[in-house]
Amino acid sequence: MAVLGIFTGEGFTKQMYEDLKREVDWENNPPAGIILHAAALDKSGNIQVADLWESEQDFTNYFNSKLKAGFDKINAPMPKGEFYQVHNINAYQGIDSYKHK
């Protein structure tokens, strides 16, 4: 069953996010099990992330095999997060304009 991961990165800036994205390259080499990734900045400039994964194990595998090394390399603080079992997912036509090309 799909899970929703909500992550808050206190002290994790937009520049750190861009550095991590470039280092890990999840846009061109998406991890197994990822369904959707969305990132935003709060009023303090800290990153907020919502991910949909096929399973929490898929996230854990990706974190251990690739993502953690990226955090270490760019010396970024580790976000705090929780996973929730998904009850319902709706994707509407507008999502197409946000798909990575």
PDB file of N, CA and C in Angstrom:
ATOM      1  N   MET A   1       0.838  -1.178   0.000  1.00  0.00           N
ATOM      2  CA  MET A   1       0.000   0.000   0.000  1.00  0.00           C
ATOM      3  C   MET A   1       0.885   1.245   0.000  1.00  0.00           C
ATOM      4  N   ALA A   2       0.503   2.242  -0.730  1.00  0.00           N
ATOM      5  CA  ALA A   2       1.279   3.474  -0.841  1.00  0.00           C
ATOM      6  C   ALA A   2       1.351   4.197   0.501  1.00  0.00           C
ATOM      7  N   VAL A   3       2.454   4.944   0.666  1.00  0.00           N
ATOM      8  CA  VAL A   3       2.644   5.742   1.870  1.00  0.00           C
ATOM      9  C   VAL A   3       2.957   7.176   1.476  1.00  0.00           C
ATOM     10  N   LEU A   4       2.550   8.094   2.348  1.00  0.00           N
ATOM     11  CA  LEU A   4       2.854   9.510   2.205  1.00  0.00           C
ATOM     12  C   LEU A   4       3.917   9.848   3.223  1.00  0.00           C
ATOM     13  N   GLY A   5       5.042  10.379   2.759  1.00  0.00           N
ATOM     14  CA  GLY A   5       6.097  10.845   3.651  1.00  0.00           C
ATOM     15  C   GLY A   5       6.084  12.357   3.687  1.00  0.00           C
ATOM     16  N   ILE A   6       6.039  12.911   4.896  1.00  0.00           N
ATOM     17  CA  ILE A   6       6.072  14.353   5.093  1.00  0.00           C
ATOM     18  C   ILE A   6       7.367  14.657   5.845  1.00  0.00           C
ATOM     19  N   PHE A   7       8.216  15.504   5.255  1.00  0.00           N
ATOM     20  CA  PHE A   7       9.532  15.796   5.809  1.00  0.00           C
ATOM     21  C   PHE A   7       9.697  17.299   6.013  1.00  0.00           C
ATOM     22  N   THR A   8      10.260  17.673   7.141  1.00  0.00           N
ATOM     23  CA  THR A   8      10.551  19.059   7.470  1.00  0.00           C
ATOM     24  C   THR A   8      12.044  19.186   7.714  1.00  0.00           C
ATOM     25  N   GLY A   9      12.666  20.103   6.994  1.00  0.00           N
ATOM     26  CA  GLY A   9      14.109  20.265   7.097  1.00  0.00           C
ATOM     27  C   GLY A   9      14.499  21.582   7.717  1.00  0.00           C
ATOM     28  N   GLU A  10      14.511  21.644   9.036  1.00  0.00           N
ATOM     29  CA  GLU A  10      14.944  22.868   9.699  1.00  0.00           C
ATOM     30  C   GLU A  10      16.429  23.087   9.420  1.00  0.00           C
ATOM     31  N   GLY A  11      16.754  24.263   8.905  1.00  0.00           N
ATOM     32  CA  GLY A  11      18.136  24.559   8.534  1.00  0.00           C
ATOM     33  C   GLY A  11      18.519  24.012   7.168  1.00  0.00           C
ATOM     34  N   PHE A  12      17.559  23.381   6.487  1.00  0.00           N
ATOM     35  CA  PHE A  12      17.793  22.822   5.157  1.00  0.00           C
ATOM     36  C   PHE A  12      17.238  23.815   4.138  1.00  0.00           C
ATOM     37  N   THR A  13      18.134  24.531   3.476  1.00  0.00           N
ATOM     38  CA  THR A  13      17.768  25.648   2.615  1.00  0.00           C
ATOM     39  C   THR A  13      17.478  25.228   1.174  1.00  0.00           C
ATOM     40  N   LYS A  14      16.971  26.187   0.414  1.00  0.00           N
ATOM     41  CA  LYS A  14      16.726  25.962  -1.010  1.00  0.00           C
ATOM     42  C   LYS A  14      18.023  25.588  -1.730  1.00  0.00           C
ATOM     43  N   GLN A  15      19.129  26.255  -1.385  1.00  0.00           N
ATOM     44  CA  GLN A  15      20.408  25.936  -2.023  1.00  0.00           C
ATOM     45  C   GLN A  15      20.844  24.514  -1.694  1.00  0.00           C
ATOM     46  N   MET A  16      20.655  24.082  -0.464  1.00  0.00           N
ATOM     47  CA  MET A  16      20.986  22.702  -0.087  1.00  0.00           C
ATOM     48  C   MET A  16      20.130  21.720  -0.877  1.00  0.00           C
ATOM     49  N   TYR A  17      18.852  22.044  -1.019  1.00  0.00           N
ATOM     50  CA  TYR A  17      17.960  21.186  -1.800  1.00  0.00           C
ATOM     51  C   TYR A  17      18.465  21.068  -3.238  1.00  0.00           C
ATOM     52  N   GLU A  18      18.811  22.197  -3.856  1.00  0.00           N
ATOM     53  CA  GLU A  18      19.308  22.180  -5.231  1.00  0.00           C
ATOM     54  C   GLU A  18      20.619  21.403  -5.332  1.00  0.00           C
ATOM     55  N   ASP A  19      21.494  21.550  -4.349  1.00  0.00           N
ATOM     56  CA  ASP A  19      22.763  20.799  -4.325  1.00  0.00           C
ATOM     57  C   ASP A  19      22.493  19.300  -4.198  1.00  0.00           C
ATOM     58  N   LEU A  20      21.569  18.936  -3.317  1.00  0.00           N
ATOM     59  CA  LEU A  20      21.238  17.519  -3.130  1.00  0.00           C
ATOM     60  C   LEU A  20      20.597  16.945  -4.389  1.00  0.00           C
ATOM     61  N   LYS A  21      19.704  17.704  -4.989  1.00  0.00           N
ATOM     62  CA  LYS A  21      19.035  17.254  -6.219  1.00  0.00           C
ATOM     63  C   LYS A  21      20.068  16.986  -7.317  1.00  0.00           C
ATOM     64  N   ARG A  22      21.026  17.881  -7.435  1.00  0.00           N
ATOM     65  CA  ARG A  22      22.081  17.724  -8.447  1.00  0.00           C
ATOM     66  C   ARG A  22      22.993  16.523  -8.111  1.00  0.00           C
ATOM     67  N   GLU A  23      23.331  16.393  -6.838  1.00  0.00           N
ATOM     68  CA  GLU A  23      24.219  15.316  -6.393  1.00  0.00           C
ATOM     69  C   GLU A  23      23.593  13.940  -6.591  1.00  0.00           C
ATOM     70  N   VAL A  24      22.337  13.810  -6.189  1.00  0.00           N
ATOM     71  CA  VAL A  24      21.657  12.507  -6.227  1.00  0.00           C
ATOM     72  C   VAL A  24      21.021  12.250  -7.590  1.00  0.00           C
ATOM     73  N   ASP A  25      20.588  13.300  -8.275  1.00  0.00           N
ATOM     74  CA  ASP A  25      20.016  13.235  -9.629  1.00  0.00           C
ATOM     75  C   ASP A  25      18.755  12.377  -9.699  1.00  0.00           C
ATOM     76  N   TRP A  26      17.841  12.610  -8.740  1.00  0.00           N
ATOM     77  CA  TRP A  26      16.611  11.813  -8.744  1.00  0.00           C
ATOM     78  C   TRP A  26      15.683  12.148  -9.897  1.00  0.00           C
ATOM     79  N   GLU A  27      15.846  13.316 -10.518  1.00  0.00           N
ATOM     80  CA  GLU A  27      14.975  13.654 -11.642  1.00  0.00           C
ATOM     81  C   GLU A  27      15.294  12.825 -12.882  1.00  0.00           C
ATOM     82  N   ASN A  28      16.562  12.579 -13.136  1.00  0.00           N
ATOM     83  CA  ASN A  28      16.963  11.787 -14.303  1.00  0.00           C
ATOM     84  C   ASN A  28      17.131  10.312 -13.993  1.00  0.00           C
ATOM     85  N   ASN A  29      17.246   9.976 -12.722  1.00  0.00           N
ATOM     86  CA  ASN A  29      17.411   8.601 -12.291  1.00  0.00           C
ATOM     87  C   ASN A  29      16.489   8.369 -11.086  1.00  0.00           C
ATOM     88  N   PRO A  30      15.165   8.345 -11.324  1.00  0.00           N
ATOM     89  CA  PRO A  30      14.226   8.241 -10.202  1.00  0.00           C
ATOM     90  C   PRO A  30      14.363   6.911  -9.469  1.00  0.00           C
ATOM     91  N   PRO A  31      14.197   6.956  -8.160  1.00  0.00           N
ATOM     92  CA  PRO A  31      14.326   5.735  -7.369  1.00  0.00           C
ATOM     93  C   PRO A  31      13.138   4.795  -7.575  1.00  0.00           C
ATOM     94  N   ALA A  32      13.402   3.523  -7.387  1.00  0.00           N
ATOM     95  CA  ALA A  32      12.331   2.519  -7.445  1.00  0.00           C
ATOM     96  C   ALA A  32      11.300   2.828  -6.373  1.00  0.00           C
ATOM     97  N   GLY A  33      10.044   2.830  -6.756  1.00  0.00           N
ATOM     98  CA  GLY A  33       8.965   2.988  -5.797  1.00  0.00           C
ATOM     99  C   GLY A  33       8.463   4.401  -5.598  1.00  0.00           C
ATOM    100  N   ILE A  34       9.136   5.397  -6.156  1.00  0.00           N
ATOM    101  CA  ILE A  34       8.653   6.772  -5.980  1.00  0.00           C
ATOM    102  C   ILE A  34       7.449   7.005  -6.897  1.00  0.00           C
ATOM    103  N   ILE A  35       6.447   7.664  -6.380  1.00  0.00           N
ATOM    104  CA  ILE A  35       5.256   8.002  -7.153  1.00  0.00           C
ATOM    105  C   ILE A  35       5.233   9.501  -7.431  1.00  0.00           C
ATOM    106  N   LEU A  36       5.480  10.298  -6.381  1.00  0.00           N
ATOM    107  CA  LEU A  36       5.400  11.742  -6.517  1.00  0.00           C
ATOM    108  C   LEU A  36       6.322  12.383  -5.489  1.00  0.00           C
ATOM    109  N   HIS A  37       6.966  13.472  -5.885  1.00  0.00           N
ATOM    110  CA  HIS A  37       7.821  14.252  -4.981  1.00  0.00           C
ATOM    111  C   HIS A  37       7.470  15.718  -5.165  1.00  0.00           C
ATOM    112  N   ALA A  38       7.200  16.410  -4.064  1.00  0.00           N
ATOM    113  CA  ALA A  38       6.930  17.842  -4.108  1.00  0.00           C
ATOM    114  C   ALA A  38       7.705  18.507  -2.977  1.00  0.00           C
ATOM    115  N   ALA A  39       8.358  19.627  -3.292  1.00  0.00           N
ATOM    116  CA  ALA A  39       9.131  20.369  -2.298  1.00  0.00           C
ATOM    117  C   ALA A  39       8.683  21.818  -2.294  1.00  0.00           C
ATOM    118  N   ALA A  40       8.682  22.415  -1.118  1.00  0.00           N
ATOM    119  CA  ALA A  40       8.310  23.820  -0.945  1.00  0.00           C
ATOM    120  C   ALA A  40       9.177  24.410   0.163  1.00  0.00           C
ATOM    121  N   LEU A  41       9.179  25.735   0.225  1.00  0.00           N
ATOM    122  CA  LEU A  41       9.895  26.426   1.292  1.00  0.00           C
ATOM    123  C   LEU A  41       8.886  27.105   2.208  1.00  0.00           C
ATOM    124  N   ASP A  42       9.111  26.992   3.516  1.00  0.00           N
ATOM    125  CA  ASP A  42       8.223  27.686   4.441  1.00  0.00           C
ATOM    126  C   ASP A  42       8.682  29.134   4.598  1.00  0.00           C
ATOM    127  N   LYS A  43       8.001  29.895   5.419  1.00  0.00           N
ATOM    128  CA  LYS A  43       8.306  31.317   5.589  1.00  0.00           C
ATOM    129  C   LYS A  43       9.699  31.568   6.149  1.00  0.00           C
ATOM    130  N   SER A  44      10.266  30.579   6.824  1.00  0.00           N
ATOM    131  CA  SER A  44      11.620  30.700   7.381  1.00  0.00           C
ATOM    132  C   SER A  44      12.691  30.288   6.383  1.00  0.00           C
ATOM    133  N   GLY A  45      12.284  29.792   5.212  1.00  0.00           N
ATOM    134  CA  GLY A  45      13.239  29.354   4.199  1.00  0.00           C
ATOM    135  C   GLY A  45      13.668  27.904   4.343  1.00  0.00           C
ATOM    136  N   ASN A  46      13.000  27.157   5.224  1.00  0.00           N
ATOM    137  CA  ASN A  46      13.293  25.743   5.406  1.00  0.00           C
ATOM    138  C   ASN A  46      12.486  24.905   4.424  1.00  0.00           C
ATOM    139  N   ILE A  47      13.066  23.792   3.997  1.00  0.00           N
ATOM    140  CA  ILE A  47      12.414  22.920   3.022  1.00  0.00           C
ATOM    141  C   ILE A  47      11.303  22.106   3.681  1.00  0.00           C
ATOM    142  N   GLN A  48      10.242  21.908   2.948  1.00  0.00           N
ATOM    143  CA  GLN A  48       9.119  21.038   3.334  1.00  0.00           C
ATOM    144  C   GLN A  48       8.896  20.099   2.146  1.00  0.00           C
ATOM    145  N   VAL A  49       8.844  18.813   2.392  1.00  0.00           N
ATOM    146  CA  VAL A  49       8.725  17.841   1.310  1.00  0.00           C
ATOM    147  C   VAL A  49       7.569  16.894   1.581  1.00  0.00           C
ATOM    148  N   ALA A  50       6.823  16.595   0.513  1.00  0.00           N
ATOM    149  CA  ALA A  50       5.788  15.563   0.549  1.00  0.00           C
ATOM    150  C   ALA A  50       6.115  14.566  -0.557  1.00  0.00           C
ATOM    151  N   ASP A  51       6.266  13.310  -0.186  1.00  0.00           N
ATOM    152  CA  ASP A  51       6.561  12.241  -1.138  1.00  0.00           C
ATOM    153  C   ASP A  51       5.492  11.171  -1.055  1.00  0.00           C
ATOM    154  N   LEU A  52       5.141  10.612  -2.203  1.00  0.00           N
ATOM    155  CA  LEU A  52       4.331   9.391  -2.257  1.00  0.00           C
ATOM    156  C   LEU A  52       5.245   8.270  -2.720  1.00  0.00           C
ATOM    157  N   TRP A  53       5.251   7.175  -1.980  1.00  0.00           N
ATOM    158  CA  TRP A  53       6.069   6.004  -2.292  1.00  0.00           C
ATOM    159  C   TRP A  53       5.174   4.773  -2.339  1.00  0.00           C
ATOM    160  N   GLU A  54       5.585   3.794  -3.124  1.00  0.00           N
ATOM    161  CA  GLU A  54       4.863   2.513  -3.152  1.00  0.00           C
ATOM    162  C   GLU A  54       4.878   1.867  -1.777  1.00  0.00           C
ATOM    163  N   SER A  55       5.994   2.034  -1.041  1.00  0.00           N
ATOM    164  CA  SER A  55       6.096   1.480   0.308  1.00  0.00           C
ATOM    165  C   SER A  55       7.168   2.239   1.081  1.00  0.00           C
ATOM    166  N   GLU A  56       7.088   2.179   2.389  1.00  0.00           N
ATOM    167  CA  GLU A  56       8.117   2.784   3.223  1.00  0.00           C
ATOM    168  C   GLU A  56       9.459   2.091   3.000  1.00  0.00           C
ATOM    169  N   GLN A  57       9.429   0.798   2.706  1.00  0.00           N
ATOM    170  CA  GLN A  57      10.669   0.059   2.434  1.00  0.00           C
ATOM    171  C   GLN A  57      11.368   0.588   1.187  1.00  0.00           C
ATOM    172  N   ASP A  58      10.606   0.970   0.154  1.00  0.00           N
ATOM    173  CA  ASP A  58      11.219   1.564  -1.041  1.00  0.00           C
ATOM    174  C   ASP A  58      11.984   2.835  -0.667  1.00  0.00           C
ATOM    175  N   PHE A  59      11.372   3.679   0.172  1.00  0.00           N
ATOM    176  CA  PHE A  59      12.072   4.887   0.617  1.00  0.00           C
ATOM    177  C   PHE A  59      13.323   4.522   1.405  1.00  0.00           C
ATOM    178  N   THR A  60      13.201   3.611   2.336  1.00  0.00           N
ATOM    179  CA  THR A  60      14.337   3.209   3.170  1.00  0.00           C
ATOM    180  C   THR A  60      15.480   2.681   2.315  1.00  0.00           C
ATOM    181  N   ASN A  61      15.162   1.869   1.327  1.00  0.00           N
ATOM    182  CA  ASN A  61      16.198   1.346   0.435  1.00  0.00           C
ATOM    183  C   ASN A  61      16.914   2.479  -0.295  1.00  0.00           C
ATOM    184  N   TYR A  62      16.146   3.439  -0.811  1.00  0.00           N
ATOM    185  CA  TYR A  62      16.734   4.567  -1.527  1.00  0.00           C
ATOM    186  C   TYR A  62      17.555   5.446  -0.590  1.00  0.00           C
ATOM    187  N   PHE A  63      17.021   5.702   0.581  1.00  0.00           N
ATOM    188  CA  PHE A  63      17.742   6.518   1.557  1.00  0.00           C
ATOM    189  C   PHE A  63      19.090   5.886   1.884  1.00  0.00           C
ATOM    190  N   ASN A  64      19.076   4.593   2.189  1.00  0.00           N
ATOM    191  CA  ASN A  64      20.316   3.907   2.583  1.00  0.00           C
ATOM    192  C   ASN A  64      21.299   3.749   1.437  1.00  0.00           C
ATOM    193  N   SER A  65      20.805   3.576   0.219  1.00  0.00           N
ATOM    194  CA  SER A  65      21.696   3.309  -0.907  1.00  0.00           C
ATOM    195  C   SER A  65      22.212   4.570  -1.596  1.00  0.00           C
ATOM    196  N   LYS A  66      21.493   5.685  -1.485  1.00  0.00           N
ATOM    197  CA  LYS A  66      21.889   6.858  -2.259  1.00  0.00           C
ATOM    198  C   LYS A  66      21.679   8.195  -1.541  1.00  0.00           C
ATOM    199  N   LEU A  67      20.519   8.394  -0.973  1.00  0.00           N
ATOM    200  CA  LEU A  67      20.157   9.705  -0.442  1.00  0.00           C
ATOM    201  C   LEU A  67      21.015  10.114   0.754  1.00  0.00           C
ATOM    202  N   LYS A  68      21.261   9.204   1.686  1.00  0.00           N
ATOM    203  CA  LYS A  68      22.061   9.535   2.868  1.00  0.00           C
ATOM    204  C   LYS A  68      23.448  10.006   2.468  1.00  0.00           C
ATOM    205  N   ALA A  69      24.073   9.352   1.497  1.00  0.00           N
ATOM    206  CA  ALA A  69      25.402   9.769   1.035  1.00  0.00           C
ATOM    207  C   ALA A  69      25.359  11.166   0.447  1.00  0.00           C
ATOM    208  N   GLY A  70      24.270  11.516  -0.229  1.00  0.00           N
ATOM    209  CA  GLY A  70      24.114  12.860  -0.770  1.00  0.00           C
ATOM    210  C   GLY A  70      24.030  13.900   0.332  1.00  0.00           C
ATOM    211  N   PHE A  71      23.249  13.617   1.380  1.00  0.00           N
ATOM    212  CA  PHE A  71      23.165  14.527   2.522  1.00  0.00           C
ATOM    213  C   PHE A  71      24.539  14.713   3.144  1.00  0.00           C
ATOM    214  N   ASP A  72      25.261  13.606   3.325  1.00  0.00           N
ATOM    215  CA  ASP A  72      26.594  13.676   3.930  1.00  0.00           C
ATOM    216  C   ASP A  72      27.545  14.502   3.070  1.00  0.00           C
ATOM    217  N   LYS A  73      27.502  14.296   1.768  1.00  0.00           N
ATOM    218  CA  LYS A  73      28.433  14.989   0.867  1.00  0.00           C
ATOM    219  C   LYS A  73      28.221  16.499   0.866  1.00  0.00           C
ATOM    220  N   ILE A  74      26.958  16.943   0.910  1.00  0.00           N
ATOM    221  CA  ILE A  74      26.710  18.385   0.891  1.00  0.00           C
ATOM    222  C   ILE A  74      26.636  18.969   2.306  1.00  0.00           C
ATOM    223  N   ASN A  75      26.828  18.106   3.312  1.00  0.00           N
ATOM    224  CA  ASN A  75      26.846  18.536   4.711  1.00  0.00           C
ATOM    225  C   ASN A  75      25.541  19.240   5.107  1.00  0.00           C
ATOM    226  N   ALA A  76      24.433  18.606   4.785  1.00  0.00           N
ATOM    227  CA  ALA A  76      23.110  19.167   5.076  1.00  0.00           C
ATOM    228  C   ALA A  76      22.489  18.470   6.284  1.00  0.00           C
ATOM    229  N   PRO A  77      21.711  19.211   7.065  1.00  0.00           N
ATOM    230  CA  PRO A  77      21.023  18.578   8.187  1.00  0.00           C
ATOM    231  C   PRO A  77      19.944  17.618   7.683  1.00  0.00           C
ATOM    232  N   MET A  78      19.773  16.536   8.399  1.00  0.00           N
ATOM    233  CA  MET A  78      18.794  15.527   8.017  1.00  0.00           C
ATOM    234  C   MET A  78      17.385  15.997   8.397  1.00  0.00           C
ATOM    235  N   PRO A  79      16.474  16.041   7.423  1.00  0.00           N
ATOM    236  CA  PRO A  79      15.089  16.424   7.745  1.00  0.00           C
ATOM    237  C   PRO A  79      14.438  15.397   8.663  1.00  0.00           C
ATOM    238  N   LYS A  80      13.440  15.858   9.384  1.00  0.00           N
ATOM    239  CA  LYS A  80      12.628  14.964  10.207  1.00  0.00           C
ATOM    240  C   LYS A  80      11.398  14.609   9.393  1.00  0.00           C
ATOM    241  N   GLY A  81      10.927  13.379   9.540  1.00  0.00           N
ATOM    242  CA  GLY A  81       9.774  12.994   8.750  1.00  0.00           C
ATOM    243  C   GLY A  81       8.971  11.875   9.363  1.00  0.00           C
ATOM    244  N   GLU A  82       7.793  11.713   8.824  1.00  0.00           N
ATOM    245  CA  GLU A  82       6.896  10.626   9.212  1.00  0.00           C
ATOM    246  C   GLU A  82       6.222  10.076   7.970  1.00  0.00           C
ATOM    247  N   PHE A  83       5.822   8.811   8.059  1.00  0.00           N
ATOM    248  CA  PHE A  83       5.080   8.161   6.983  1.00  0.00           C
ATOM    249  C   PHE A  83       3.676   7.835   7.444  1.00  0.00           C
ATOM    250  N   TYR A  84       2.750   7.937   6.489  1.00  0.00           N
ATOM    251  CA  TYR A  84       1.349   7.644   6.752  1.00  0.00           C
ATOM    252  C   TYR A  84       0.827   6.741   5.646  1.00  0.00           C
ATOM    253  N   GLN A  85       0.033   5.748   6.006  1.00  0.00           N
ATOM    254  CA  GLN A  85      -0.613   4.911   5.010  1.00  0.00           C
ATOM    255  C   GLN A  85      -1.598   5.768   4.226  1.00  0.00           C
ATOM    256  N   VAL A  86      -1.539   5.695   2.919  1.00  0.00           N
ATOM    257  CA  VAL A  86      -2.413   6.502   2.079  1.00  0.00           C
ATOM    258  C   VAL A  86      -3.817   5.909   2.064  1.00  0.00           C
ATOM    259  N   HIS A  87      -4.776   6.762   2.261  1.00  0.00           N
ATOM    260  CA  HIS A  87      -6.182   6.361   2.209  1.00  0.00           C
ATOM    261  C   HIS A  87      -6.758   6.599   0.814  1.00  0.00           C
ATOM    262  N   ASN A  88      -6.341   7.701   0.166  1.00  0.00           N
ATOM    263  CA  ASN A  88      -6.908   8.062  -1.125  1.00  0.00           C
ATOM    264  C   ASN A  88      -5.897   8.909  -1.891  1.00  0.00           C
ATOM    265  N   ILE A  89      -5.796   8.688  -3.193  1.00  0.00           N
ATOM    266  CA  ILE A  89      -4.967   9.512  -4.073  1.00  0.00           C
ATOM    267  C   ILE A  89      -5.813   9.900  -5.275  1.00  0.00           C
ATOM    268  N   ASN A  90      -5.822  11.185  -5.569  1.00  0.00           N
ATOM    269  CA  ASN A  90      -6.464  11.687  -6.775  1.00  0.00           C
ATOM    270  C   ASN A  90      -5.429  12.501  -7.534  1.00  0.00           C
ATOM    271  N   ALA A  91      -5.227  12.218  -8.791  1.00  0.00           N
ATOM    272  CA  ALA A  91      -4.344  13.011  -9.644  1.00  0.00           C
ATOM    273  C   ALA A  91      -5.202  13.572 -10.771  1.00  0.00           C
ATOM    274  N   TYR A  92      -5.151  14.882 -10.925  1.00  0.00           N
ATOM    275  CA  TYR A  92      -5.994  15.546 -11.902  1.00  0.00           C
ATOM    276  C   TYR A  92      -5.167  15.991 -13.105  1.00  0.00           C
ATOM    277  N   GLN A  93      -5.838  16.402 -14.144  1.00  0.00           N
ATOM    278  CA  GLN A  93      -5.198  16.754 -15.408  1.00  0.00           C
ATOM    279  C   GLN A  93      -4.069  17.758 -15.230  1.00  0.00           C
ATOM    280  N   GLY A  94      -4.203  18.697 -14.323  1.00  0.00           N
ATOM    281  CA  GLY A  94      -3.187  19.719 -14.102  1.00  0.00           C
ATOM    282  C   GLY A  94      -1.828  19.166 -13.709  1.00  0.00           C
ATOM    283  N   ILE A  95      -1.777  17.941 -13.182  1.00  0.00           N
ATOM    284  CA  ILE A  95      -0.506  17.356 -12.772  1.00  0.00           C
ATOM    285  C   ILE A  95       0.440  17.164 -13.945  1.00  0.00           C
ATOM    286  N   ASP A  96      -0.100  17.020 -15.140  1.00  0.00           N
ATOM    287  CA  ASP A  96       0.736  16.806 -16.323  1.00  0.00           C
ATOM    288  C   ASP A  96       1.728  17.943 -16.543  1.00  0.00           C
ATOM    289  N   SER A  97       1.350  19.162 -16.206  1.00  0.00           N
ATOM    290  CA  SER A  97       2.256  20.289 -16.441  1.00  0.00           C
ATOM    291  C   SER A  97       3.418  20.312 -15.453  1.00  0.00           C
ATOM    292  N   TYR A  98       3.372  19.481 -14.411  1.00  0.00           N
ATOM    293  CA  TYR A  98       4.451  19.432 -13.419  1.00  0.00           C
ATOM    294  C   TYR A  98       5.337  18.201 -13.577  1.00  0.00           C
ATOM    295  N   LYS A  99       4.996  17.313 -14.473  1.00  0.00           N
ATOM    296  CA  LYS A  99       5.800  16.109 -14.674  1.00  0.00           C
ATOM    297  C   LYS A  99       7.173  16.469 -15.196  1.00  0.00           C
ATOM    298  N   HIS A 100       8.185  15.768 -14.691  1.00  0.00           N
ATOM    299  CA  HIS A 100       9.547  15.981 -15.179  1.00  0.00           C
ATOM    300  C   HIS A 100       9.640  15.475 -16.599  1.00  0.00           C
ATOM    301  N   LYS A 101      10.251  16.283 -17.441  1.00  0.00           N
ATOM    302  CA  LYS A 101      10.376  15.910 -18.853  1.00  0.00           C
ATOM    303  C   LYS A 101      11.778  15.484 -19.177  1.00  0.00           C
TER     304      LYS A 101
END
